[in-house]
Amino acid sequence: MKIKELRQKINLSQNEMARRLGMPQTTLFNYEAGKNEPSIETLIKLADFFNVSIDELVGRESETINLKFLSDNEAYLIKKILKMNQLELAKTRAYVTGLTEE
């Protein structure tokens, strides 16, 4: 479970995060320490709080791209890239590399 890592990444104390989520600080401590497991409802609440997937929250690697967290332009480009063949991908990569090199 990556609760502590994600909480520290946004510089929140356990007390402040627990307050924002409406749960006792001891409950959050126990989740972070691995003493208790959150319910599915709490997992959803935590994932929403951190703006991550439940898979990411629990440390599960995922190859899925959640387009709802991307801008319209980013989602459009990802969808186009996923439809490309290997030659189109190679050309696109070369083009983007040329654009982003200084």
PDB file of N, CA and C in Angstrom:
ATOM      1  N   MET A   1       0.858  -1.177   0.000  1.00  0.00           N
ATOM      2  CA  MET A   1       0.000   0.000   0.000  1.00  0.00           C
ATOM      3  C   MET A   1       0.904   1.241   0.000  1.00  0.00           C
ATOM      4  N   LYS A   2       0.604   2.189  -0.876  1.00  0.00           N
ATOM      5  CA  LYS A   2       1.444   3.366  -1.056  1.00  0.00           C
ATOM      6  C   LYS A   2       0.861   4.625  -0.419  1.00  0.00           C
ATOM      7  N   ILE A   3       0.000   4.462   0.559  1.00  0.00           N
ATOM      8  CA  ILE A   3      -0.663   5.623   1.168  1.00  0.00           C
ATOM      9  C   ILE A   3       0.355   6.592   1.751  1.00  0.00           C
ATOM     10  N   LYS A   4       1.275   6.079   2.544  1.00  0.00           N
ATOM     11  CA  LYS A   4       2.263   6.941   3.202  1.00  0.00           C
ATOM     12  C   LYS A   4       3.126   7.668   2.166  1.00  0.00           C
ATOM     13  N   GLU A   5       3.582   6.929   1.167  1.00  0.00           N
ATOM     14  CA  GLU A   5       4.418   7.519   0.116  1.00  0.00           C
ATOM     15  C   GLU A   5       3.684   8.643  -0.615  1.00  0.00           C
ATOM     16  N   LEU A   6       2.440   8.394  -0.966  1.00  0.00           N
ATOM     17  CA  LEU A   6       1.653   9.413  -1.665  1.00  0.00           C
ATOM     18  C   LEU A   6       1.349  10.602  -0.757  1.00  0.00           C
ATOM     19  N   ARG A   7       1.062  10.332   0.508  1.00  0.00           N
ATOM     20  CA  ARG A   7       0.782  11.413   1.461  1.00  0.00           C
ATOM     21  C   ARG A   7       2.008  12.302   1.640  1.00  0.00           C
ATOM     22  N   GLN A   8       3.170  11.667   1.785  1.00  0.00           N
ATOM     23  CA  GLN A   8       4.403  12.437   1.970  1.00  0.00           C
ATOM     24  C   GLN A   8       4.768  13.227   0.714  1.00  0.00           C
ATOM     25  N   LYS A   9       4.439  12.676  -0.436  1.00  0.00           N
ATOM     26  CA  LYS A   9       4.723  13.343  -1.706  1.00  0.00           C
ATOM     27  C   LYS A   9       4.018  14.694  -1.800  1.00  0.00           C
ATOM     28  N   ILE A  10       2.835  14.801  -1.173  1.00  0.00           N
ATOM     29  CA  ILE A  10       2.105  16.078  -1.198  1.00  0.00           C
ATOM     30  C   ILE A  10       2.248  16.843   0.118  1.00  0.00           C
ATOM     31  N   ASN A  11       3.210  16.406   0.926  1.00  0.00           N
ATOM     32  CA  ASN A  11       3.570  17.112   2.172  1.00  0.00           C
ATOM     33  C   ASN A  11       2.398  17.306   3.128  1.00  0.00           C
ATOM     34  N   LEU A  12       1.654  16.222   3.367  1.00  0.00           N
ATOM     35  CA  LEU A  12       0.561  16.272   4.336  1.00  0.00           C
ATOM     36  C   LEU A  12       0.916  15.418   5.541  1.00  0.00           C
ATOM     37  N   SER A  13       0.601  15.928   6.707  1.00  0.00           N
ATOM     38  CA  SER A  13       0.765  15.121   7.914  1.00  0.00           C
ATOM     39  C   SER A  13      -0.362  14.091   7.974  1.00  0.00           C
ATOM     40  N   GLN A  14      -0.147  13.060   8.779  1.00  0.00           N
ATOM     41  CA  GLN A  14      -1.219  12.079   8.978  1.00  0.00           C
ATOM     42  C   GLN A  14      -2.457  12.758   9.539  1.00  0.00           C
ATOM     43  N   ASN A  15      -2.251  13.638  10.506  1.00  0.00           N
ATOM     44  CA  ASN A  15      -3.386  14.332  11.126  1.00  0.00           C
ATOM     45  C   ASN A  15      -4.197  15.114  10.105  1.00  0.00           C
ATOM     46  N   GLU A  16      -3.508  15.879   9.258  1.00  0.00           N
ATOM     47  CA  GLU A  16      -4.203  16.725   8.274  1.00  0.00           C
ATOM     48  C   GLU A  16      -4.929  15.864   7.251  1.00  0.00           C
ATOM     49  N   MET A  17      -4.271  14.815   6.776  1.00  0.00           N
ATOM     50  CA  MET A  17      -4.921  13.962   5.794  1.00  0.00           C
ATOM     51  C   MET A  17      -6.136  13.265   6.396  1.00  0.00           C
ATOM     52  N   ALA A  18      -5.990  12.739   7.590  1.00  0.00           N
ATOM     53  CA  ALA A  18      -7.108  12.073   8.260  1.00  0.00           C
ATOM     54  C   ALA A  18      -8.275  13.048   8.438  1.00  0.00           C
ATOM     55  N   ARG A  19      -7.960  14.274   8.812  1.00  0.00           N
ATOM     56  CA  ARG A  19      -9.008  15.291   8.978  1.00  0.00           C
ATOM     57  C   ARG A  19      -9.731  15.529   7.665  1.00  0.00           C
ATOM     58  N   ARG A  20      -8.977  15.685   6.588  1.00  0.00           N
ATOM     59  CA  ARG A  20      -9.581  15.946   5.274  1.00  0.00           C
ATOM     60  C   ARG A  20     -10.444  14.777   4.798  1.00  0.00           C
ATOM     61  N   LEU A  21     -10.044  13.562   5.172  1.00  0.00           N
ATOM     62  CA  LEU A  21     -10.802  12.382   4.760  1.00  0.00           C
ATOM     63  C   LEU A  21     -11.913  12.022   5.736  1.00  0.00           C
ATOM     64  N   GLY A  22     -11.954  12.711   6.876  1.00  0.00           N
ATOM     65  CA  GLY A  22     -12.987  12.445   7.867  1.00  0.00           C
ATOM     66  C   GLY A  22     -12.822  11.108   8.561  1.00  0.00           C
ATOM     67  N   MET A  23     -11.564  10.745   8.846  1.00  0.00           N
ATOM     68  CA  MET A  23     -11.307   9.493   9.554  1.00  0.00           C
ATOM     69  C   MET A  23     -10.356   9.756  10.721  1.00  0.00           C
ATOM     70  N   PRO A  24     -10.380   8.894  11.722  1.00  0.00           N
ATOM     71  CA  PRO A  24      -9.439   9.066  12.825  1.00  0.00           C
ATOM     72  C   PRO A  24      -7.992   8.907  12.350  1.00  0.00           C
ATOM     73  N   GLN A  25      -7.090   9.661  12.933  1.00  0.00           N
ATOM     74  CA  GLN A  25      -5.669   9.581  12.570  1.00  0.00           C
ATOM     75  C   GLN A  25      -5.130   8.181  12.830  1.00  0.00           C
ATOM     76  N   THR A  26      -5.619   7.520  13.871  1.00  0.00           N
ATOM     77  CA  THR A  26      -5.144   6.166  14.174  1.00  0.00           C
ATOM     78  C   THR A  26      -5.517   5.183  13.064  1.00  0.00           C
ATOM     79  N   THR A  27      -6.652   5.398  12.427  1.00  0.00           N
ATOM     80  CA  THR A  27      -7.063   4.542  11.306  1.00  0.00           C
ATOM     81  C   THR A  27      -6.078   4.691  10.153  1.00  0.00           C
ATOM     82  N   LEU A  28      -5.739   5.927   9.824  1.00  0.00           N
ATOM     83  CA  LEU A  28      -4.779   6.178   8.755  1.00  0.00           C
ATOM     84  C   LEU A  28      -3.418   5.592   9.121  1.00  0.00           C
ATOM     85  N   PHE A  29      -2.994   5.764  10.366  1.00  0.00           N
ATOM     86  CA  PHE A  29      -1.727   5.186  10.823  1.00  0.00           C
ATOM     87  C   PHE A  29      -1.724   3.675  10.608  1.00  0.00           C
ATOM     88  N   ASN A  30      -2.806   3.021  10.978  1.00  0.00           N
ATOM     89  CA  ASN A  30      -2.887   1.564  10.832  1.00  0.00           C
ATOM     90  C   ASN A  30      -2.872   1.123   9.367  1.00  0.00           C
ATOM     91  N   TYR A  31      -3.475   1.900   8.480  1.00  0.00           N
ATOM     92  CA  TYR A  31      -3.404   1.592   7.050  1.00  0.00           C
ATOM     93  C   TYR A  31      -1.954   1.697   6.565  1.00  0.00           C
ATOM     94  N   GLU A  32      -1.308   2.790   6.932  1.00  0.00           N
ATOM     95  CA  GLU A  32       0.068   3.010   6.490  1.00  0.00           C
ATOM     96  C   GLU A  32       1.023   1.969   7.067  1.00  0.00           C
ATOM     97  N   ALA A  33       0.773   1.516   8.278  1.00  0.00           N
ATOM     98  CA  ALA A  33       1.633   0.530   8.933  1.00  0.00           C
ATOM     99  C   ALA A  33       1.318  -0.899   8.505  1.00  0.00           C
ATOM    100  N   GLY A  34       0.252  -1.065   7.731  1.00  0.00           N
ATOM    101  CA  GLY A  34      -0.124  -2.400   7.290  1.00  0.00           C
ATOM    102  C   GLY A  34      -0.821  -3.229   8.344  1.00  0.00           C
ATOM    103  N   LYS A  35      -1.294  -2.568   9.402  1.00  0.00           N
ATOM    104  CA  LYS A  35      -1.987  -3.283  10.480  1.00  0.00           C
ATOM    105  C   LYS A  35      -3.440  -3.559  10.125  1.00  0.00           C
ATOM    106  N   ASN A  36      -4.036  -2.698   9.326  1.00  0.00           N
ATOM    107  CA  ASN A  36      -5.417  -2.860   8.865  1.00  0.00           C
ATOM    108  C   ASN A  36      -5.472  -2.602   7.370  1.00  0.00           C
ATOM    109  N   GLU A  37      -6.462  -3.202   6.725  1.00  0.00           N
ATOM    110  CA  GLU A  37      -6.698  -2.982   5.297  1.00  0.00           C
ATOM    111  C   GLU A  37      -7.960  -2.144   5.132  1.00  0.00           C
ATOM    112  N   PRO A  38      -7.902  -1.124   4.265  1.00  0.00           N
ATOM    113  CA  PRO A  38      -9.103  -0.310   4.040  1.00  0.00           C
ATOM    114  C   PRO A  38     -10.167  -1.087   3.263  1.00  0.00           C
ATOM    115  N   SER A  39     -11.419  -0.732   3.501  1.00  0.00           N
ATOM    116  CA  SER A  39     -12.526  -1.305   2.732  1.00  0.00           C
ATOM    117  C   SER A  39     -12.440  -0.803   1.299  1.00  0.00           C
ATOM    118  N   ILE A  40     -13.202  -1.402   0.413  1.00  0.00           N
ATOM    119  CA  ILE A  40     -13.207  -0.951  -0.976  1.00  0.00           C
ATOM    120  C   ILE A  40     -13.690   0.495  -1.077  1.00  0.00           C
ATOM    121  N   GLU A  41     -14.654   0.866  -0.253  1.00  0.00           N
ATOM    122  CA  GLU A  41     -15.147   2.252  -0.254  1.00  0.00           C
ATOM    123  C   GLU A  41     -14.025   3.215   0.148  1.00  0.00           C
ATOM    124  N   THR A  42     -13.229   2.815   1.139  1.00  0.00           N
ATOM    125  CA  THR A  42     -12.119   3.658   1.588  1.00  0.00           C
ATOM    126  C   THR A  42     -11.014   3.689   0.550  1.00  0.00           C
ATOM    127  N   LEU A  43     -10.760   2.564  -0.118  1.00  0.00           N
ATOM    128  CA  LEU A  43      -9.763   2.550  -1.197  1.00  0.00           C
ATOM    129  C   LEU A  43     -10.156   3.532  -2.293  1.00  0.00           C
ATOM    130  N   ILE A  44     -11.421   3.549  -2.647  1.00  0.00           N
ATOM    131  CA  ILE A  44     -11.906   4.477  -3.669  1.00  0.00           C
ATOM    132  C   ILE A  44     -11.719   5.921  -3.194  1.00  0.00           C
ATOM    133  N   LYS A  45     -12.063   6.169  -1.956  1.00  0.00           N
ATOM    134  CA  LYS A  45     -11.916   7.508  -1.384  1.00  0.00           C
ATOM    135  C   LYS A  45     -10.442   7.952  -1.396  1.00  0.00           C
ATOM    136  N   LEU A  46      -9.552   7.038  -1.024  1.00  0.00           N
ATOM    137  CA  LEU A  46      -8.114   7.350  -1.010  1.00  0.00           C
ATOM    138  C   LEU A  46      -7.588   7.569  -2.433  1.00  0.00           C
ATOM    139  N   ALA A  47      -7.983   6.716  -3.357  1.00  0.00           N
ATOM    140  CA  ALA A  47      -7.539   6.860  -4.752  1.00  0.00           C
ATOM    141  C   ALA A  47      -8.018   8.197  -5.325  1.00  0.00           C
ATOM    142  N   ASP A  48      -9.256   8.546  -5.054  1.00  0.00           N
ATOM    143  CA  ASP A  48      -9.783   9.836  -5.508  1.00  0.00           C
ATOM    144  C   ASP A  48      -9.023  10.992  -4.869  1.00  0.00           C
ATOM    145  N   PHE A  49      -8.720  10.862  -3.582  1.00  0.00           N
ATOM    146  CA  PHE A  49      -8.001  11.907  -2.857  1.00  0.00           C
ATOM    147  C   PHE A  49      -6.645  12.178  -3.510  1.00  0.00           C
ATOM    148  N   PHE A  50      -5.924  11.101  -3.861  1.00  0.00           N
ATOM    149  CA  PHE A  50      -4.595  11.243  -4.450  1.00  0.00           C
ATOM    150  C   PHE A  50      -4.626  11.368  -5.972  1.00  0.00           C
ATOM    151  N   ASN A  51      -5.821  11.211  -6.552  1.00  0.00           N
ATOM    152  CA  ASN A  51      -5.976  11.274  -8.007  1.00  0.00           C
ATOM    153  C   ASN A  51      -5.138  10.195  -8.699  1.00  0.00           C
ATOM    154  N   VAL A  52      -5.212   8.977  -8.166  1.00  0.00           N
ATOM    155  CA  VAL A  52      -4.519   7.823  -8.735  1.00  0.00           C
ATOM    156  C   VAL A  52      -5.517   6.678  -8.870  1.00  0.00           C
ATOM    157  N   SER A  53      -5.123   5.637  -9.579  1.00  0.00           N
ATOM    158  CA  SER A  53      -5.963   4.445  -9.659  1.00  0.00           C
ATOM    159  C   SER A  53      -5.792   3.630  -8.378  1.00  0.00           C
ATOM    160  N   ILE A  54      -6.743   2.756  -8.117  1.00  0.00           N
ATOM    161  CA  ILE A  54      -6.615   1.860  -6.969  1.00  0.00           C
ATOM    162  C   ILE A  54      -5.400   0.957  -7.163  1.00  0.00           C
ATOM    163  N   ASP A  55      -5.153   0.519  -8.394  1.00  0.00           N
ATOM    164  CA  ASP A  55      -3.964  -0.289  -8.669  1.00  0.00           C
ATOM    165  C   ASP A  55      -2.701   0.430  -8.217  1.00  0.00           C
ATOM    166  N   GLU A  56      -2.576   1.685  -8.574  1.00  0.00           N
ATOM    167  CA  GLU A  56      -1.395   2.450  -8.174  1.00  0.00           C
ATOM    168  C   GLU A  56      -1.345   2.615  -6.661  1.00  0.00           C
ATOM    169  N   LEU A  57      -2.478   2.868  -6.059  1.00  0.00           N
ATOM    170  CA  LEU A  57      -2.549   3.050  -4.609  1.00  0.00           C
ATOM    171  C   LEU A  57      -2.028   1.824  -3.854  1.00  0.00           C
ATOM    172  N   VAL A  58      -2.369   0.641  -4.352  1.00  0.00           N
ATOM    173  CA  VAL A  58      -1.956  -0.582  -3.657  1.00  0.00           C
ATOM    174  C   VAL A  58      -0.618  -1.105  -4.168  1.00  0.00           C
ATOM    175  N   GLY A  59       0.034  -0.363  -5.075  1.00  0.00           N
ATOM    176  CA  GLY A  59       1.355  -0.737  -5.542  1.00  0.00           C
ATOM    177  C   GLY A  59       1.360  -1.750  -6.669  1.00  0.00           C
ATOM    178  N   ARG A  60       0.235  -1.917  -7.312  1.00  0.00           N
ATOM    179  CA  ARG A  60       0.139  -2.859  -8.421  1.00  0.00           C
ATOM    180  C   ARG A  60       0.498  -2.147  -9.716  1.00  0.00           C
ATOM    181  N   GLU A  61       1.404  -2.738 -10.469  1.00  0.00           N
ATOM    182  CA  GLU A  61       1.794  -2.158 -11.748  1.00  0.00           C
ATOM    183  C   GLU A  61       0.646  -2.313 -12.727  1.00  0.00           C
ATOM    184  N   SER A  62       0.439  -1.301 -13.518  1.00  0.00           N
ATOM    185  CA  SER A  62      -0.645  -1.347 -14.483  1.00  0.00           C
ATOM    186  C   SER A  62      -0.162  -0.788 -15.812  1.00  0.00           C
ATOM    187  N   GLU A  63      -0.498  -1.459 -16.872  1.00  0.00           N
ATOM    188  CA  GLU A  63      -0.179  -0.984 -18.215  1.00  0.00           C
ATOM    189  C   GLU A  63      -1.310  -0.129 -18.774  1.00  0.00           C
ATOM    190  N   THR A  64      -2.395  -0.010 -18.026  1.00  0.00           N
ATOM    191  CA  THR A  64      -3.551   0.736 -18.480  1.00  0.00           C
ATOM    192  C   THR A  64      -3.304   2.232 -18.335  1.00  0.00           C
ATOM    193  N   ILE A  65      -3.688   2.975 -19.345  1.00  0.00           N
ATOM    194  CA  ILE A  65      -3.596   4.431 -19.301  1.00  0.00           C
ATOM    195  C   ILE A  65      -4.994   4.954 -19.001  1.00  0.00           C
ATOM    196  N   ASN A  66      -5.130   5.672 -17.895  1.00  0.00           N
ATOM    197  CA  ASN A  66      -6.427   6.226 -17.539  1.00  0.00           C
ATOM    198  C   ASN A  66      -6.546   7.608 -18.178  1.00  0.00           C
ATOM    199  N   LEU A  67      -7.272   7.664 -19.283  1.00  0.00           N
ATOM    200  CA  LEU A  67      -7.365   8.903 -20.059  1.00  0.00           C
ATOM    201  C   LEU A  67      -8.113  10.011 -19.352  1.00  0.00           C
ATOM    202  N   LYS A  68      -8.898   9.684 -18.335  1.00  0.00           N
ATOM    203  CA  LYS A  68      -9.680  10.734 -17.678  1.00  0.00           C
ATOM    204  C   LYS A  68      -8.802  11.726 -16.921  1.00  0.00           C
ATOM    205  N   PHE A  69      -7.547  11.361 -16.646  1.00  0.00           N
ATOM    206  CA  PHE A  69      -6.656  12.259 -15.935  1.00  0.00           C
ATOM    207  C   PHE A  69      -5.802  13.097 -16.885  1.00  0.00           C
ATOM    208  N   LEU A  70      -5.997  12.905 -18.184  1.00  0.00           N
ATOM    209  CA  LEU A  70      -5.231  13.648 -19.180  1.00  0.00           C
ATOM    210  C   LEU A  70      -6.069  14.784 -19.755  1.00  0.00           C
ATOM    211  N   SER A  71      -5.369  15.760 -20.297  1.00  0.00           N
ATOM    212  CA  SER A  71      -6.089  16.829 -21.005  1.00  0.00           C
ATOM    213  C   SER A  71      -6.675  16.244 -22.283  1.00  0.00           C
ATOM    214  N   ASP A  72      -7.565  16.972 -22.910  1.00  0.00           N
ATOM    215  CA  ASP A  72      -8.161  16.515 -24.171  1.00  0.00           C
ATOM    216  C   ASP A  72      -7.082  16.287 -25.228  1.00  0.00           C
ATOM    217  N   ASN A  73      -6.108  17.195 -25.314  1.00  0.00           N
ATOM    218  CA  ASN A  73      -5.024  17.051 -26.294  1.00  0.00           C
ATOM    219  C   ASN A  73      -4.181  15.811 -26.016  1.00  0.00           C
ATOM    220  N   GLU A  74      -3.838  15.581 -24.754  1.00  0.00           N
ATOM    221  CA  GLU A  74      -3.041  14.410 -24.399  1.00  0.00           C
ATOM    222  C   GLU A  74      -3.794  13.121 -24.710  1.00  0.00           C
ATOM    223  N   ALA A  75      -5.063  13.063 -24.358  1.00  0.00           N
ATOM    224  CA  ALA A  75      -5.870  11.871 -24.612  1.00  0.00           C
ATOM    225  C   ALA A  75      -5.991  11.617 -26.115  1.00  0.00           C
ATOM    226  N   TYR A  76      -6.193  12.675 -26.899  1.00  0.00           N
ATOM    227  CA  TYR A  76      -6.280  12.551 -28.351  1.00  0.00           C
ATOM    228  C   TYR A  76      -4.998  11.939 -28.916  1.00  0.00           C
ATOM    229  N   LEU A  77      -3.839  12.464 -28.470  1.00  0.00           N
ATOM    230  CA  LEU A  77      -2.557  11.956 -28.969  1.00  0.00           C
ATOM    231  C   LEU A  77      -2.322  10.507 -28.570  1.00  0.00           C
ATOM    232  N   ILE A  78      -2.648  10.156 -27.336  1.00  0.00           N
ATOM    233  CA  ILE A  78      -2.475   8.775 -26.873  1.00  0.00           C
ATOM    234  C   ILE A  78      -3.329   7.835 -27.722  1.00  0.00           C
ATOM    235  N   LYS A  79      -4.567   8.209 -27.980  1.00  0.00           N
ATOM    236  CA  LYS A  79      -5.445   7.362 -28.789  1.00  0.00           C
ATOM    237  C   LYS A  79      -4.878   7.171 -30.192  1.00  0.00           C
ATOM    238  N   LYS A  80      -4.349   8.237 -30.781  1.00  0.00           N
ATOM    239  CA  LYS A  80      -3.749   8.141 -32.111  1.00  0.00           C
ATOM    240  C   LYS A  80      -2.514   7.235 -32.083  1.00  0.00           C
ATOM    241  N   ILE A  81      -1.667   7.385 -31.079  1.00  0.00           N
ATOM    242  CA  ILE A  81      -0.447   6.579 -30.961  1.00  0.00           C
ATOM    243  C   ILE A  81      -0.789   5.095 -30.832  1.00  0.00           C
ATOM    244  N   LEU A  82      -1.816   4.794 -30.062  1.00  0.00           N
ATOM    245  CA  LEU A  82      -2.194   3.392 -29.870  1.00  0.00           C
ATOM    246  C   LEU A  82      -2.665   2.716 -31.151  1.00  0.00           C
ATOM    247  N   LYS A  83      -3.069   3.500 -32.132  1.00  0.00           N
ATOM    248  CA  LYS A  83      -3.541   2.950 -33.408  1.00  0.00           C
ATOM    249  C   LYS A  83      -2.427   2.832 -34.454  1.00  0.00           C
ATOM    250  N   MET A  84      -1.223   3.328 -34.138  1.00  0.00           N
ATOM    251  CA  MET A  84      -0.135   3.352 -35.115  1.00  0.00           C
ATOM    252  C   MET A  84       0.524   1.984 -35.267  1.00  0.00           C
ATOM    253  N   ASN A  85       1.046   1.743 -36.493  1.00  0.00           N
ATOM    254  CA  ASN A  85       1.865   0.553 -36.715  1.00  0.00           C
ATOM    255  C   ASN A  85       3.313   0.883 -36.329  1.00  0.00           C
ATOM    256  N   GLN A  86       4.197  -0.081 -36.421  1.00  0.00           N
ATOM    257  CA  GLN A  86       5.584   0.108 -35.971  1.00  0.00           C
ATOM    258  C   GLN A  86       6.318   1.200 -36.745  1.00  0.00           C
ATOM    259  N   LEU A  87       6.100   1.280 -38.042  1.00  0.00           N
ATOM    260  CA  LEU A  87       6.760   2.313 -38.851  1.00  0.00           C
ATOM    261  C   LEU A  87       6.263   3.703 -38.455  1.00  0.00           C
ATOM    262  N   GLU A  88       4.964   3.842 -38.292  1.00  0.00           N
ATOM    263  CA  GLU A  88       4.396   5.133 -37.872  1.00  0.00           C
ATOM    264  C   GLU A  88       4.904   5.528 -36.490  1.00  0.00           C
ATOM    265  N   LEU A  89       5.019   4.555 -35.595  1.00  0.00           N
ATOM    266  CA  LEU A  89       5.555   4.838 -34.260  1.00  0.00           C
ATOM    267  C   LEU A  89       7.007   5.319 -34.335  1.00  0.00           C
ATOM    268  N   ALA A  90       7.814   4.656 -35.147  1.00  0.00           N
ATOM    269  CA  ALA A  90       9.225   5.045 -35.288  1.00  0.00           C
ATOM    270  C   ALA A  90       9.346   6.455 -35.846  1.00  0.00           C
ATOM    271  N   LYS A  91       8.546   6.766 -36.872  1.00  0.00           N
ATOM    272  CA  LYS A  91       8.577   8.114 -37.456  1.00  0.00           C
ATOM    273  C   LYS A  91       8.127   9.164 -36.443  1.00  0.00           C
ATOM    274  N   THR A  92       7.087   8.850 -35.714  1.00  0.00           N
ATOM    275  CA  THR A  92       6.562   9.781 -34.706  1.00  0.00           C
ATOM    276  C   THR A  92       7.588  10.017 -33.608  1.00  0.00           C
ATOM    277  N   ARG A  93       8.211   8.943 -33.173  1.00  0.00           N
ATOM    278  CA  ARG A  93       9.239   9.075 -32.127  1.00  0.00           C
ATOM    279  C   ARG A  93      10.386   9.959 -32.609  1.00  0.00           C
ATOM    280  N   ALA A  94      10.843   9.747 -33.826  1.00  0.00           N
ATOM    281  CA  ALA A  94      11.925  10.565 -34.377  1.00  0.00           C
ATOM    282  C   ALA A  94      11.504  12.033 -34.467  1.00  0.00           C
ATOM    283  N   TYR A  95      10.287  12.265 -34.897  1.00  0.00           N
ATOM    284  CA  TYR A  95       9.778  13.630 -35.020  1.00  0.00           C
ATOM    285  C   TYR A  95       9.696  14.316 -33.649  1.00  0.00           C
ATOM    286  N   VAL A  96       9.118  13.627 -32.684  1.00  0.00           N
ATOM    287  CA  VAL A  96       8.964  14.198 -31.344  1.00  0.00           C
ATOM    288  C   VAL A  96      10.333  14.428 -30.703  1.00  0.00           C
ATOM    289  N   THR A  97      11.253  13.499 -30.911  1.00  0.00           N
ATOM    290  CA  THR A  97      12.612  13.679 -30.379  1.00  0.00           C
ATOM    291  C   THR A  97      13.234  14.934 -30.970  1.00  0.00           C
ATOM    292  N   GLY A  98      13.053  15.157 -32.275  1.00  0.00           N
ATOM    293  CA  GLY A  98      13.570  16.364 -32.906  1.00  0.00           C
ATOM    294  C   GLY A  98      12.952  17.635 -32.348  1.00  0.00           C
ATOM    295  N   LEU A  99      11.689  17.574 -32.002  1.00  0.00           N
ATOM    296  CA  LEU A  99      11.015  18.740 -31.439  1.00  0.00           C
ATOM    297  C   LEU A  99      11.487  19.068 -30.040  1.00  0.00           C
ATOM    298  N   THR A 100      11.820  18.037 -29.274  1.00  0.00           N
ATOM    299  CA  THR A 100      12.099  18.251 -27.855  1.00  0.00           C
ATOM    300  C   THR A 100      13.577  18.368 -27.519  1.00  0.00           C
ATOM    301  N   GLU A 101      14.457  18.127 -28.482  1.00  0.00           N
ATOM    302  CA  GLU A 101      15.889  18.266 -28.216  1.00  0.00           C
ATOM    303  C   GLU A 101      16.273  19.736 -28.285  1.00  0.00           C
ATOM    304  N   GLU A 102      17.201  20.075 -27.416  1.00  0.00           N
ATOM    305  CA  GLU A 102      17.650  21.478 -27.391  1.00  0.00           C
ATOM    306  C   GLU A 102      18.986  21.625 -28.060  1.00  0.00           C
TER     307      GLU A 102
END
